[in-house]
Every structure is written in structure tokens, then in C-alpha cells.
Amino acid sequence: MQTGNSRKPDRGVLITEASLKAAELLGVSDSEFARIIGVSEGTISSWKRGKGNLVAGSEQYRTALLFIRAFRSLYSIVGDDAVAQAWMRSTNNPLGSCPIDLMATPEGLTNVTKYLDANRAPI
């Protein structure tokens, strides 16, 4: 017997909320986050006010998922907001630039995420 609301939460809403929270914890500005996932800064502002969200399966949705993955990997390595924020804005020699700058392109976001994944749990 089921009780309460058995509806599945909307994936677009969940990923919008999670990606906004990840950006906040990483100290990523609205304009930087908009550039990373490929929407306007106004769209980010609307999402923060609860108006609209990512569409599941869209390119922006998939990019937000990758951003969340980078966030989770970074936090599993450093475990601290201030350290994560500093890392995002510091030149990283293996990556060749600041991660926040690299994340502005799909290729850069992918490379940063792969780098973090590889360093999260070395064998």
C-alpha cells in the first residue's frame, strides 16, 4: 500500500536546484555559471526565483550534470568550501589554467571533470 504522493520528482527541477547549489558552494557567480552551462544570466536569475528549470535531456541539462559531477569529485578530494573555492580560481599546472576559466567551454568542463575524477580515488 502506498501512502502520500507517489509521483517521481521532476528531474529538471532536481538538477536545476542541485547545480545552483553546487555553483553557490564553489563560489561561481551567476554570469560564470550561465556561461558554463550555456544559458543567459537572466535564466539563472529566474531559476533562483523558482521560475523555470532545466529540461531533462537538453544540452544544458547534460552540462549541468557534468558540472555537478565535477563539484562532487572536488568536494570528495578537499571537503571544504573555502579550499574548493580557492582551487577553482587558482592556476592548476596539470590543467594549464584556472579551472573556472576552463569550465567556460564544454571541452574544458569535461577535462576538469576527468582530472578531478582521476584524482578522487587513485588506486
C-alpha atoms as a PDB file:
ATOM      1  CA  MET A   1       0.000   0.000   0.000  1.00  0.00           C
ATOM      2  CA  GLN A   2       1.344   3.415  -0.979  1.00  0.00           C
ATOM      3  CA  THR A   3       0.726   6.485   1.055  1.00  0.00           C
ATOM      4  CA  GLY A   4       1.312  10.126   0.241  1.00  0.00           C
ATOM      5  CA  ASN A   5       2.459  11.460  -3.080  1.00  0.00           C
ATOM      6  CA  SER A   6       3.969   8.706  -5.202  1.00  0.00           C
ATOM      7  CA  ARG A   7       4.926  10.994  -8.104  1.00  0.00           C
ATOM      8  CA  LYS A   8       8.543  10.996  -9.086  1.00  0.00           C
ATOM      9  CA  PRO A   9      10.211  14.382  -8.716  1.00  0.00           C
ATOM     10  CA  ASP A  10      10.885  16.211 -11.964  1.00  0.00           C
ATOM     11  CA  ARG A  11      14.498  15.578 -12.976  1.00  0.00           C
ATOM     12  CA  GLY A  12      14.819  19.031 -14.488  1.00  0.00           C
ATOM     13  CA  VAL A  13      13.851  20.640 -11.190  1.00  0.00           C
ATOM     14  CA  LEU A  14      16.217  18.424  -9.193  1.00  0.00           C
ATOM     15  CA  ILE A  15      19.200  19.057 -11.452  1.00  0.00           C
ATOM     16  CA  THR A  16      18.466  22.785 -11.608  1.00  0.00           C
ATOM     17  CA  GLU A  17      18.424  23.009  -7.817  1.00  0.00           C
ATOM     18  CA  ALA A  18      21.493  20.805  -7.374  1.00  0.00           C
ATOM     19  CA  SER A  19      23.544  22.665  -9.969  1.00  0.00           C
ATOM     20  CA  LEU A  20      22.611  26.065  -8.497  1.00  0.00           C
ATOM     21  CA  LYS A  21      23.661  24.832  -5.049  1.00  0.00           C
ATOM     22  CA  ALA A  22      26.936  23.438  -6.418  1.00  0.00           C
ATOM     23  CA  ALA A  23      27.690  26.766  -8.097  1.00  0.00           C
ATOM     24  CA  GLU A  24      26.941  28.617  -4.868  1.00  0.00           C
ATOM     25  CA  LEU A  25      29.187  26.356  -2.777  1.00  0.00           C
ATOM     26  CA  LEU A  26      32.000  26.674  -5.323  1.00  0.00           C
ATOM     27  CA  GLY A  27      31.712  30.471  -5.352  1.00  0.00           C
ATOM     28  CA  VAL A  28      30.755  30.515  -9.030  1.00  0.00           C
ATOM     29  CA  SER A  29      28.929  33.722  -9.992  1.00  0.00           C
ATOM     30  CA  ASP A  30      25.662  33.710 -11.902  1.00  0.00           C
ATOM     31  CA  SER A  31      27.413  35.001 -15.021  1.00  0.00           C
ATOM     32  CA  GLU A  32      30.123  32.331 -14.780  1.00  0.00           C
ATOM     33  CA  PHE A  33      27.581  29.576 -14.201  1.00  0.00           C
ATOM     34  CA  ALA A  34      25.426  30.801 -17.097  1.00  0.00           C
ATOM     35  CA  ARG A  35      28.466  30.679 -19.395  1.00  0.00           C
ATOM     36  CA  ILE A  36      29.385  27.177 -18.155  1.00  0.00           C
ATOM     37  CA  ILE A  37      26.009  25.592 -18.840  1.00  0.00           C
ATOM     38  CA  GLY A  38      25.096  27.685 -21.864  1.00  0.00           C
ATOM     39  CA  VAL A  39      22.176  29.836 -20.729  1.00  0.00           C
ATOM     40  CA  SER A  40      21.738  33.550 -20.085  1.00  0.00           C
ATOM     41  CA  GLU A  41      22.410  35.150 -16.735  1.00  0.00           C
ATOM     42  CA  GLY A  42      18.722  36.106 -16.700  1.00  0.00           C
ATOM     43  CA  THR A  43      17.806  32.431 -16.925  1.00  0.00           C
ATOM     44  CA  ILE A  44      19.945  31.685 -13.862  1.00  0.00           C
ATOM     45  CA  SER A  45      18.223  34.531 -12.015  1.00  0.00           C
ATOM     46  CA  SER A  46      14.805  33.144 -12.965  1.00  0.00           C
ATOM     47  CA  TRP A  47      15.732  29.661 -11.777  1.00  0.00           C
ATOM     48  CA  LYS A  48      16.840  31.076  -8.445  1.00  0.00           C
ATOM     49  CA  ARG A  49      13.382  32.640  -8.093  1.00  0.00           C
ATOM     50  CA  GLY A  50      11.755  29.277  -8.888  1.00  0.00           C
ATOM     51  CA  LYS A  51      10.672  30.253 -12.385  1.00  0.00           C
ATOM     52  CA  GLY A  52      11.589  27.573 -14.880  1.00  0.00           C
ATOM     53  CA  ASN A  53      14.260  24.921 -14.789  1.00  0.00           C
ATOM     54  CA  LEU A  54      16.479  22.755 -16.925  1.00  0.00           C
ATOM     55  CA  VAL A  55      14.739  20.485 -19.390  1.00  0.00           C
ATOM     56  CA  ALA A  56      15.716  16.856 -18.825  1.00  0.00           C
ATOM     57  CA  GLY A  57      17.783  15.578 -21.741  1.00  0.00           C
ATOM     58  CA  SER A  58      18.712  19.011 -23.102  1.00  0.00           C
ATOM     59  CA  GLU A  59      22.314  20.012 -23.757  1.00  0.00           C
ATOM     60  CA  GLN A  60      22.201  22.415 -20.812  1.00  0.00           C
ATOM     61  CA  TYR A  61      20.841  19.640 -18.584  1.00  0.00           C
ATOM     62  CA  ARG A  62      23.690  17.309 -19.561  1.00  0.00           C
ATOM     63  CA  THR A  63      26.214  20.099 -18.978  1.00  0.00           C
ATOM     64  CA  ALA A  64      24.722  20.791 -15.544  1.00  0.00           C
ATOM     65  CA  LEU A  65      25.072  17.083 -14.717  1.00  0.00           C
ATOM     66  CA  LEU A  66      28.749  17.243 -15.645  1.00  0.00           C
ATOM     67  CA  PHE A  67      29.177  20.376 -13.514  1.00  0.00           C
ATOM     68  CA  ILE A  68      27.580  18.564 -10.552  1.00  0.00           C
ATOM     69  CA  ARG A  69      29.924  15.624 -11.139  1.00  0.00           C
ATOM     70  CA  ALA A  70      32.926  17.981 -11.047  1.00  0.00           C
ATOM     71  CA  PHE A  71      31.576  19.511  -7.828  1.00  0.00           C
ATOM     72  CA  ARG A  72      31.126  16.107  -6.174  1.00  0.00           C
ATOM     73  CA  SER A  73      34.615  14.981  -7.173  1.00  0.00           C
ATOM     74  CA  LEU A  74      36.216  18.187  -5.938  1.00  0.00           C
ATOM     75  CA  TYR A  75      34.395  18.006  -2.618  1.00  0.00           C
ATOM     76  CA  SER A  76      35.381  14.389  -2.127  1.00  0.00           C
ATOM     77  CA  ILE A  77      39.014  15.497  -2.504  1.00  0.00           C
ATOM     78  CA  VAL A  78      39.050  18.731  -0.469  1.00  0.00           C
ATOM     79  CA  GLY A  79      35.907  18.546   1.679  1.00  0.00           C
ATOM     80  CA  ASP A  80      35.846  22.276   2.415  1.00  0.00           C
ATOM     81  CA  ASP A  81      34.059  25.242   0.811  1.00  0.00           C
ATOM     82  CA  ALA A  82      36.956  27.681   1.127  1.00  0.00           C
ATOM     83  CA  VAL A  83      39.511  25.220  -0.252  1.00  0.00           C
ATOM     84  CA  ALA A  84      37.206  24.265  -3.143  1.00  0.00           C
ATOM     85  CA  GLN A  85      36.612  27.935  -3.988  1.00  0.00           C
ATOM     86  CA  ALA A  86      40.340  28.683  -3.900  1.00  0.00           C
ATOM     87  CA  TRP A  87      41.081  25.659  -6.112  1.00  0.00           C
ATOM     88  CA  MET A  88      38.539  26.838  -8.689  1.00  0.00           C
ATOM     89  CA  ARG A  89      40.362  30.184  -9.051  1.00  0.00           C
ATOM     90  CA  SER A  90      43.982  29.028  -8.785  1.00  0.00           C
ATOM     91  CA  THR A  91      46.154  28.111 -11.718  1.00  0.00           C
ATOM     92  CA  ASN A  92      46.345  24.349 -11.899  1.00  0.00           C
ATOM     93  CA  ASN A  93      49.574  23.231 -13.561  1.00  0.00           C
ATOM     94  CA  PRO A  94      48.331  19.860 -14.872  1.00  0.00           C
ATOM     95  CA  LEU A  95      45.261  21.555 -16.365  1.00  0.00           C
ATOM     96  CA  GLY A  96      47.225  24.556 -17.608  1.00  0.00           C
ATOM     97  CA  SER A  97      44.840  27.214 -16.284  1.00  0.00           C
ATOM     98  CA  CYS A  98      42.318  28.088 -13.593  1.00  0.00           C
ATOM     99  CA  PRO A  99      39.504  25.516 -13.529  1.00  0.00           C
ATOM    100  CA  ILE A 100      36.800  28.219 -13.534  1.00  0.00           C
ATOM    101  CA  ASP A 101      38.223  29.597 -16.782  1.00  0.00           C
ATOM    102  CA  LEU A 102      38.465  26.168 -18.381  1.00  0.00           C
ATOM    103  CA  MET A 103      34.883  25.302 -17.430  1.00  0.00           C
ATOM    104  CA  ALA A 104      33.623  28.066 -19.728  1.00  0.00           C
ATOM    105  CA  THR A 105      33.862  25.626 -22.651  1.00  0.00           C
ATOM    106  CA  PRO A 106      32.362  22.134 -22.925  1.00  0.00           C
ATOM    107  CA  GLU A 107      35.809  20.658 -23.606  1.00  0.00           C
ATOM    108  CA  GLY A 108      37.282  22.472 -20.612  1.00  0.00           C
ATOM    109  CA  LEU A 109      34.487  21.345 -18.282  1.00  0.00           C
ATOM    110  CA  THR A 110      34.990  17.787 -19.476  1.00  0.00           C
ATOM    111  CA  ASN A 111      38.756  17.990 -18.924  1.00  0.00           C
ATOM    112  CA  VAL A 112      38.396  19.457 -15.429  1.00  0.00           C
ATOM    113  CA  THR A 113      35.856  16.782 -14.507  1.00  0.00           C
ATOM    114  CA  LYS A 114      38.067  13.972 -15.827  1.00  0.00           C
ATOM    115  CA  TYR A 115      41.037  15.394 -13.921  1.00  0.00           C
ATOM    116  CA  LEU A 116      39.037  15.537 -10.688  1.00  0.00           C
ATOM    117  CA  ASP A 117      37.591  12.057 -11.209  1.00  0.00           C
ATOM    118  CA  ALA A 118      41.079  10.654 -11.758  1.00  0.00           C
ATOM    119  CA  ASN A 119      42.392  12.285  -8.587  1.00  0.00           C
ATOM    120  CA  ARG A 120      39.398  11.493  -6.405  1.00  0.00           C
ATOM    121  CA  ALA A 121      40.160   7.854  -5.795  1.00  0.00           C
ATOM    122  CA  PRO A 122      43.570   6.876  -7.097  1.00  0.00           C
ATOM    123  CA  ILE A 123      44.265   3.157  -6.963  1.00  0.00           C
END
